[in-house]
Amino acid sequence: MPGAQSPQRSADSTLNTLNGALASAQAQAQNFQVEQAALHNLELRNQTAIGNLQAVQLSNEIALAQAQQLQLLRQIVMAEMNSQNVAAANQVNGQVQSNLAAQAEFSAPPPSSFPDLLTQPGGAAPPQP
């Protein structure tokens, strides 16, 4: 079957993808304290903004922080989608491999010691009802 991966290679690919997604989530989780501090700083500056210019500048910083958070969210959702797709593909590949193995077993010629039940001794076919 062209393009099919070996079961081991397919499992390795799946595990590598899942590990990559977990590493991405862990990297984002490690930034929570830094992000929380930045949000707290924005909150304090919002409470103490003097004049329209500072308020507008702070609003722009808040909008940028929101855009960054949305990018991080998109990144983690894409990693999750990729992981799910690879896991599903691995499952389908396993089913295909299992089906191919079953087909090969049923298509294999019988061992020479296996009795021929379709013909009677002497090579004649059994009578039809």
N, C-alpha and C. Protein backbone atom coordinates (compact mmCIF):
# COMPACT_ATOMS: atom_id res chain seq x y z
N MET A 1 0.86 -1.18 0.00
CA MET A 1 0.00 0.00 0.00
C MET A 1 0.90 1.23 0.00
N PRO A 2 0.89 2.01 -1.07
CA PRO A 2 1.78 3.17 -1.15
C PRO A 2 1.44 4.22 -0.11
N GLY A 3 2.46 4.80 0.48
CA GLY A 3 2.28 5.87 1.44
C GLY A 3 1.95 5.41 2.85
N ALA A 4 1.73 4.11 3.04
CA ALA A 4 1.40 3.61 4.38
C ALA A 4 2.67 3.56 5.23
N GLN A 5 2.50 3.90 6.48
CA GLN A 5 3.62 3.87 7.42
C GLN A 5 3.59 2.55 8.17
N SER A 6 4.77 2.16 8.65
CA SER A 6 4.80 0.98 9.51
C SER A 6 4.08 1.32 10.80
N PRO A 7 3.54 0.33 11.50
CA PRO A 7 2.84 0.62 12.76
C PRO A 7 3.74 1.34 13.77
N GLN A 8 5.01 0.96 13.85
CA GLN A 8 5.91 1.61 14.81
C GLN A 8 6.15 3.08 14.42
N ARG A 9 6.36 3.32 13.13
CA ARG A 9 6.60 4.69 12.67
C ARG A 9 5.36 5.56 12.89
N SER A 10 4.20 4.98 12.64
CA SER A 10 2.94 5.70 12.85
C SER A 10 2.75 6.03 14.34
N ALA A 11 3.04 5.07 15.20
CA ALA A 11 2.91 5.31 16.64
C ALA A 11 3.92 6.36 17.10
N ASP A 12 5.14 6.29 16.58
CA ASP A 12 6.15 7.29 16.93
C ASP A 12 5.71 8.69 16.49
N SER A 13 5.16 8.79 15.29
CA SER A 13 4.69 10.08 14.78
C SER A 13 3.58 10.64 15.66
N THR A 14 2.66 9.76 16.06
CA THR A 14 1.55 10.19 16.93
C THR A 14 2.08 10.67 18.27
N LEU A 15 2.97 9.91 18.88
CA LEU A 15 3.51 10.29 20.19
C LEU A 15 4.32 11.59 20.09
N ASN A 16 5.08 11.76 19.02
CA ASN A 16 5.84 13.00 18.84
C ASN A 16 4.92 14.20 18.70
N THR A 17 3.83 14.03 17.96
CA THR A 17 2.87 15.13 17.80
C THR A 17 2.20 15.47 19.13
N LEU A 18 1.79 14.44 19.87
CA LEU A 18 1.16 14.68 21.16
C LEU A 18 2.14 15.34 22.14
N ASN A 19 3.39 14.91 22.13
CA ASN A 19 4.40 15.53 22.99
C ASN A 19 4.63 16.99 22.60
N GLY A 20 4.62 17.28 21.31
CA GLY A 20 4.76 18.67 20.85
C GLY A 20 3.62 19.55 21.34
N ALA A 21 2.40 19.02 21.27
CA ALA A 21 1.24 19.78 21.74
C ALA A 21 1.32 20.01 23.24
N LEU A 22 1.74 18.99 23.99
CA LEU A 22 1.89 19.15 25.44
C LEU A 22 2.99 20.15 25.78
N ALA A 23 4.08 20.12 25.03
CA ALA A 23 5.18 21.07 25.26
C ALA A 23 4.71 22.51 25.00
N SER A 24 3.90 22.68 23.97
CA SER A 24 3.36 24.00 23.66
C SER A 24 2.46 24.50 24.79
N ALA A 25 1.59 23.62 25.28
CA ALA A 25 0.70 23.99 26.39
C ALA A 25 1.51 24.29 27.65
N GLN A 26 2.54 23.49 27.91
CA GLN A 26 3.36 23.71 29.09
C GLN A 26 4.11 25.04 29.00
N ALA A 27 4.61 25.37 27.82
CA ALA A 27 5.32 26.64 27.63
C ALA A 27 4.38 27.81 27.91
N GLN A 28 3.14 27.68 27.45
CA GLN A 28 2.18 28.76 27.72
C GLN A 28 1.84 28.82 29.21
N ALA A 29 1.72 27.67 29.84
CA ALA A 29 1.38 27.64 31.27
C ALA A 29 2.49 28.28 32.11
N GLN A 30 3.73 28.14 31.68
CA GLN A 30 4.85 28.72 32.42
C GLN A 30 4.84 30.24 32.37
N ASN A 31 4.11 30.82 31.41
CA ASN A 31 4.04 32.27 31.28
C ASN A 31 2.87 32.89 32.03
N PHE A 32 2.07 32.10 32.70
CA PHE A 32 0.89 32.63 33.37
C PHE A 32 1.25 33.72 34.39
N GLN A 33 2.28 33.49 35.18
CA GLN A 33 2.64 34.49 36.20
C GLN A 33 3.10 35.79 35.55
N VAL A 34 3.88 35.70 34.50
CA VAL A 34 4.35 36.90 33.79
C VAL A 34 3.15 37.63 33.18
N GLU A 35 2.24 36.88 32.57
CA GLU A 35 1.04 37.49 31.98
C GLU A 35 0.16 38.12 33.06
N GLN A 36 0.03 37.44 34.19
CA GLN A 36 -0.79 37.99 35.27
C GLN A 36 -0.19 39.30 35.79
N ALA A 37 1.13 39.34 35.91
CA ALA A 37 1.80 40.58 36.35
C ALA A 37 1.58 41.70 35.34
N ALA A 38 1.66 41.39 34.05
CA ALA A 38 1.44 42.40 33.02
C ALA A 38 0.00 42.92 33.06
N LEU A 39 -0.95 42.02 33.24
CA LEU A 39 -2.35 42.45 33.33
C LEU A 39 -2.58 43.30 34.58
N HIS A 40 -1.95 42.93 35.69
CA HIS A 40 -2.08 43.72 36.91
C HIS A 40 -1.49 45.12 36.70
N ASN A 41 -0.36 45.19 36.01
CA ASN A 41 0.26 46.48 35.71
C ASN A 41 -0.67 47.33 34.85
N LEU A 42 -1.29 46.73 33.84
CA LEU A 42 -2.24 47.47 32.99
C LEU A 42 -3.43 47.96 33.82
N GLU A 43 -3.89 47.13 34.73
CA GLU A 43 -5.02 47.52 35.59
C GLU A 43 -4.66 48.72 36.46
N LEU A 44 -3.47 48.67 37.06
CA LEU A 44 -3.03 49.81 37.89
C LEU A 44 -2.89 51.08 37.06
N ARG A 45 -2.29 50.95 35.89
CA ARG A 45 -2.11 52.12 35.03
C ARG A 45 -3.44 52.65 34.54
N ASN A 46 -4.42 51.76 34.35
CA ASN A 46 -5.75 52.20 33.95
C ASN A 46 -6.40 53.03 35.06
N GLN A 47 -6.18 52.63 36.29
CA GLN A 47 -6.77 53.35 37.42
C GLN A 47 -6.11 54.70 37.66
N THR A 48 -4.86 54.83 37.23
CA THR A 48 -4.12 56.07 37.53
C THR A 48 -3.82 56.90 36.29
N ALA A 49 -4.45 56.56 35.16
CA ALA A 49 -4.19 57.31 33.93
C ALA A 49 -4.62 58.76 34.10
N ILE A 50 -3.73 59.66 33.68
CA ILE A 50 -4.03 61.10 33.77
C ILE A 50 -4.17 61.63 32.34
N GLY A 51 -5.33 62.10 32.03
CA GLY A 51 -5.56 62.71 30.73
C GLY A 51 -5.93 61.70 29.66
N ASN A 52 -6.43 62.26 28.57
CA ASN A 52 -6.90 61.44 27.46
C ASN A 52 -5.77 60.69 26.75
N LEU A 53 -4.61 61.32 26.60
CA LEU A 53 -3.51 60.68 25.89
C LEU A 53 -3.06 59.41 26.59
N GLN A 54 -2.89 59.47 27.91
CA GLN A 54 -2.48 58.27 28.65
C GLN A 54 -3.57 57.19 28.57
N ALA A 55 -4.81 57.60 28.64
CA ALA A 55 -5.92 56.64 28.57
C ALA A 55 -5.95 55.96 27.20
N VAL A 56 -5.74 56.73 26.14
CA VAL A 56 -5.74 56.16 24.79
C VAL A 56 -4.54 55.23 24.60
N GLN A 57 -3.38 55.64 25.08
CA GLN A 57 -2.19 54.81 24.96
C GLN A 57 -2.37 53.50 25.73
N LEU A 58 -2.94 53.59 26.90
CA LEU A 58 -3.20 52.39 27.69
C LEU A 58 -4.21 51.48 27.00
N SER A 59 -5.22 52.07 26.40
CA SER A 59 -6.21 51.28 25.65
C SER A 59 -5.53 50.52 24.51
N ASN A 60 -4.59 51.18 23.84
CA ASN A 60 -3.85 50.51 22.77
C ASN A 60 -3.03 49.34 23.30
N GLU A 61 -2.40 49.52 24.45
CA GLU A 61 -1.62 48.44 25.05
C GLU A 61 -2.53 47.27 25.45
N ILE A 62 -3.70 47.59 25.97
CA ILE A 62 -4.65 46.54 26.33
C ILE A 62 -5.11 45.79 25.08
N ALA A 63 -5.36 46.50 23.99
CA ALA A 63 -5.77 45.86 22.74
C ALA A 63 -4.66 44.95 22.21
N LEU A 64 -3.42 45.38 22.32
CA LEU A 64 -2.30 44.54 21.89
C LEU A 64 -2.18 43.30 22.77
N ALA A 65 -2.38 43.46 24.06
CA ALA A 65 -2.32 42.31 24.97
C ALA A 65 -3.43 41.31 24.62
N GLN A 66 -4.60 41.82 24.27
CA GLN A 66 -5.70 40.94 23.87
C GLN A 66 -5.35 40.19 22.59
N ALA A 67 -4.75 40.89 21.64
CA ALA A 67 -4.36 40.25 20.39
C ALA A 67 -3.33 39.15 20.65
N GLN A 68 -2.39 39.40 21.55
CA GLN A 68 -1.40 38.38 21.88
C GLN A 68 -2.05 37.16 22.52
N GLN A 69 -3.03 37.39 23.40
CA GLN A 69 -3.72 36.29 24.04
C GLN A 69 -4.52 35.47 23.01
N LEU A 70 -5.13 36.16 22.05
CA LEU A 70 -5.85 35.44 21.00
C LEU A 70 -4.91 34.60 20.15
N GLN A 71 -3.72 35.11 19.87
CA GLN A 71 -2.75 34.34 19.11
C GLN A 71 -2.33 33.08 19.89
N LEU A 72 -2.11 33.24 21.18
CA LEU A 72 -1.76 32.07 22.00
C LEU A 72 -2.89 31.05 22.02
N LEU A 73 -4.10 31.55 22.10
CA LEU A 73 -5.26 30.66 22.09
C LEU A 73 -5.36 29.92 20.75
N ARG A 74 -5.18 30.64 19.65
CA ARG A 74 -5.20 29.99 18.33
C ARG A 74 -4.10 28.95 18.23
N GLN A 75 -2.93 29.26 18.76
CA GLN A 75 -1.81 28.33 18.70
C GLN A 75 -2.15 27.02 19.43
N ILE A 76 -2.71 27.14 20.61
CA ILE A 76 -3.02 25.93 21.38
C ILE A 76 -4.17 25.15 20.76
N VAL A 77 -5.14 25.83 20.17
CA VAL A 77 -6.25 25.15 19.49
C VAL A 77 -5.72 24.40 18.27
N MET A 78 -4.82 25.02 17.52
CA MET A 78 -4.25 24.35 16.34
C MET A 78 -3.42 23.13 16.75
N ALA A 79 -2.69 23.24 17.85
CA ALA A 79 -1.92 22.10 18.34
C ALA A 79 -2.85 20.97 18.75
N GLU A 80 -3.96 21.32 19.38
CA GLU A 80 -4.94 20.30 19.78
C GLU A 80 -5.56 19.64 18.55
N MET A 81 -5.93 20.45 17.55
CA MET A 81 -6.51 19.90 16.33
C MET A 81 -5.52 18.96 15.64
N ASN A 82 -4.27 19.37 15.57
CA ASN A 82 -3.24 18.55 14.94
C ASN A 82 -3.10 17.23 15.69
N SER A 83 -3.08 17.30 17.01
CA SER A 83 -2.96 16.07 17.82
C SER A 83 -4.14 15.14 17.57
N GLN A 84 -5.34 15.69 17.54
CA GLN A 84 -6.52 14.86 17.32
C GLN A 84 -6.50 14.24 15.93
N ASN A 85 -6.08 15.02 14.93
CA ASN A 85 -6.03 14.49 13.57
C ASN A 85 -4.99 13.39 13.44
N VAL A 86 -3.83 13.56 14.05
CA VAL A 86 -2.80 12.54 13.97
C VAL A 86 -3.24 11.29 14.72
N ALA A 87 -3.85 11.45 15.87
CA ALA A 87 -4.33 10.30 16.63
C ALA A 87 -5.41 9.55 15.84
N ALA A 88 -6.32 10.29 15.20
CA ALA A 88 -7.37 9.65 14.40
C ALA A 88 -6.75 8.93 13.20
N ALA A 89 -5.79 9.57 12.55
CA ALA A 89 -5.12 8.94 11.41
C ALA A 89 -4.39 7.67 11.84
N ASN A 90 -3.78 7.72 13.01
CA ASN A 90 -3.09 6.53 13.53
C ASN A 90 -4.09 5.41 13.79
N GLN A 91 -5.26 5.75 14.30
CA GLN A 91 -6.29 4.75 14.56
C GLN A 91 -6.77 4.14 13.24
N VAL A 92 -7.02 4.98 12.24
CA VAL A 92 -7.45 4.48 10.93
C VAL A 92 -6.35 3.60 10.33
N ASN A 93 -5.10 4.03 10.44
CA ASN A 93 -3.99 3.25 9.92
C ASN A 93 -3.94 1.88 10.60
N GLY A 94 -4.16 1.84 11.91
CA GLY A 94 -4.17 0.57 12.63
C GLY A 94 -5.28 -0.33 12.15
N GLN A 95 -6.46 0.25 11.89
CA GLN A 95 -7.58 -0.54 11.38
C GLN A 95 -7.28 -1.09 9.98
N VAL A 96 -6.67 -0.25 9.14
CA VAL A 96 -6.31 -0.69 7.79
C VAL A 96 -5.29 -1.81 7.86
N GLN A 97 -4.28 -1.64 8.73
CA GLN A 97 -3.26 -2.69 8.87
C GLN A 97 -3.90 -4.00 9.34
N SER A 98 -4.83 -3.90 10.27
CA SER A 98 -5.52 -5.09 10.78
C SER A 98 -6.34 -5.74 9.67
N ASN A 99 -7.06 -4.93 8.88
CA ASN A 99 -7.86 -5.46 7.78
C ASN A 99 -6.97 -6.12 6.72
N LEU A 100 -5.85 -5.48 6.42
CA LEU A 100 -4.93 -6.06 5.44
C LEU A 100 -4.36 -7.38 5.93
N ALA A 101 -4.05 -7.45 7.21
CA ALA A 101 -3.53 -8.70 7.78
C ALA A 101 -4.59 -9.80 7.70
N ALA A 102 -5.84 -9.45 7.99
CA ALA A 102 -6.92 -10.44 7.92
C ALA A 102 -7.13 -10.90 6.48
N GLN A 103 -7.10 -9.95 5.54
CA GLN A 103 -7.26 -10.31 4.13
C GLN A 103 -6.12 -11.22 3.67
N ALA A 104 -4.93 -10.91 4.10
CA ALA A 104 -3.77 -11.73 3.72
C ALA A 104 -3.91 -13.13 4.27
N GLU A 105 -4.43 -13.24 5.49
CA GLU A 105 -4.58 -14.55 6.10
C GLU A 105 -5.65 -15.37 5.38
N PHE A 106 -6.75 -14.72 5.00
CA PHE A 106 -7.82 -15.45 4.30
C PHE A 106 -7.44 -15.74 2.85
N SER A 107 -6.56 -14.97 2.28
CA SER A 107 -6.15 -15.16 0.89
C SER A 107 -4.97 -16.12 0.75
N ALA A 108 -4.33 -16.43 1.85
CA ALA A 108 -3.15 -17.29 1.80
C ALA A 108 -3.56 -18.71 1.40
N PRO A 109 -2.71 -19.38 0.62
CA PRO A 109 -3.04 -20.77 0.26
C PRO A 109 -2.97 -21.65 1.50
N PRO A 110 -3.80 -22.68 1.54
CA PRO A 110 -3.79 -23.56 2.72
C PRO A 110 -2.48 -24.35 2.77
N PRO A 111 -2.07 -24.72 3.96
CA PRO A 111 -0.87 -25.56 4.07
C PRO A 111 -1.08 -26.87 3.32
N SER A 112 -0.01 -27.46 2.88
CA SER A 112 -0.10 -28.70 2.10
C SER A 112 -0.74 -29.84 2.90
N SER A 113 -0.64 -29.82 4.20
CA SER A 113 -1.22 -30.88 5.03
C SER A 113 -2.71 -30.67 5.29
N PHE A 114 -3.26 -29.55 4.82
CA PHE A 114 -4.67 -29.22 5.05
C PHE A 114 -5.53 -30.04 4.10
N PRO A 115 -6.57 -30.77 4.59
CA PRO A 115 -7.39 -31.60 3.70
C PRO A 115 -8.21 -30.75 2.73
N ASP A 116 -8.35 -31.24 1.52
CA ASP A 116 -9.15 -30.56 0.50
C ASP A 116 -10.59 -31.01 0.66
N LEU A 117 -11.42 -30.16 1.25
CA LEU A 117 -12.81 -30.53 1.54
C LEU A 117 -13.73 -30.30 0.36
N LEU A 118 -13.25 -29.62 -0.67
CA LEU A 118 -14.11 -29.30 -1.81
C LEU A 118 -14.19 -30.43 -2.82
N THR A 119 -13.26 -31.31 -2.80
CA THR A 119 -13.30 -32.42 -3.75
C THR A 119 -13.27 -33.74 -2.98
N GLN A 120 -13.91 -34.72 -3.54
CA GLN A 120 -13.91 -36.05 -2.94
C GLN A 120 -12.63 -36.76 -3.35
N PRO A 121 -12.32 -37.84 -2.65
CA PRO A 121 -11.15 -38.60 -3.06
C PRO A 121 -11.29 -39.00 -4.52
N GLY A 122 -10.26 -38.82 -5.26
CA GLY A 122 -10.28 -39.12 -6.66
C GLY A 122 -10.44 -37.86 -7.49
N GLY A 123 -10.63 -36.71 -6.88
CA GLY A 123 -10.66 -35.43 -7.58
C GLY A 123 -12.00 -35.00 -8.09
N ALA A 124 -13.07 -35.75 -7.89
CA ALA A 124 -14.39 -35.36 -8.37
C ALA A 124 -15.02 -34.41 -7.39
N ALA A 125 -15.76 -33.47 -7.91
CA ALA A 125 -16.47 -32.52 -7.05
C ALA A 125 -17.63 -33.22 -6.38
N PRO A 126 -18.00 -32.79 -5.16
CA PRO A 126 -19.14 -33.43 -4.48
C PRO A 126 -20.44 -33.15 -5.24
N PRO A 127 -21.42 -34.03 -5.11
CA PRO A 127 -22.69 -33.82 -5.83
C PRO A 127 -23.40 -32.56 -5.33
N GLN A 128 -24.06 -31.88 -6.24
CA GLN A 128 -24.81 -30.67 -5.91
C GLN A 128 -26.23 -31.05 -5.53
N PRO A 129 -26.84 -30.40 -4.55
CA PRO A 129 -28.24 -30.76 -4.17
C PRO A 129 -29.24 -30.30 -5.18
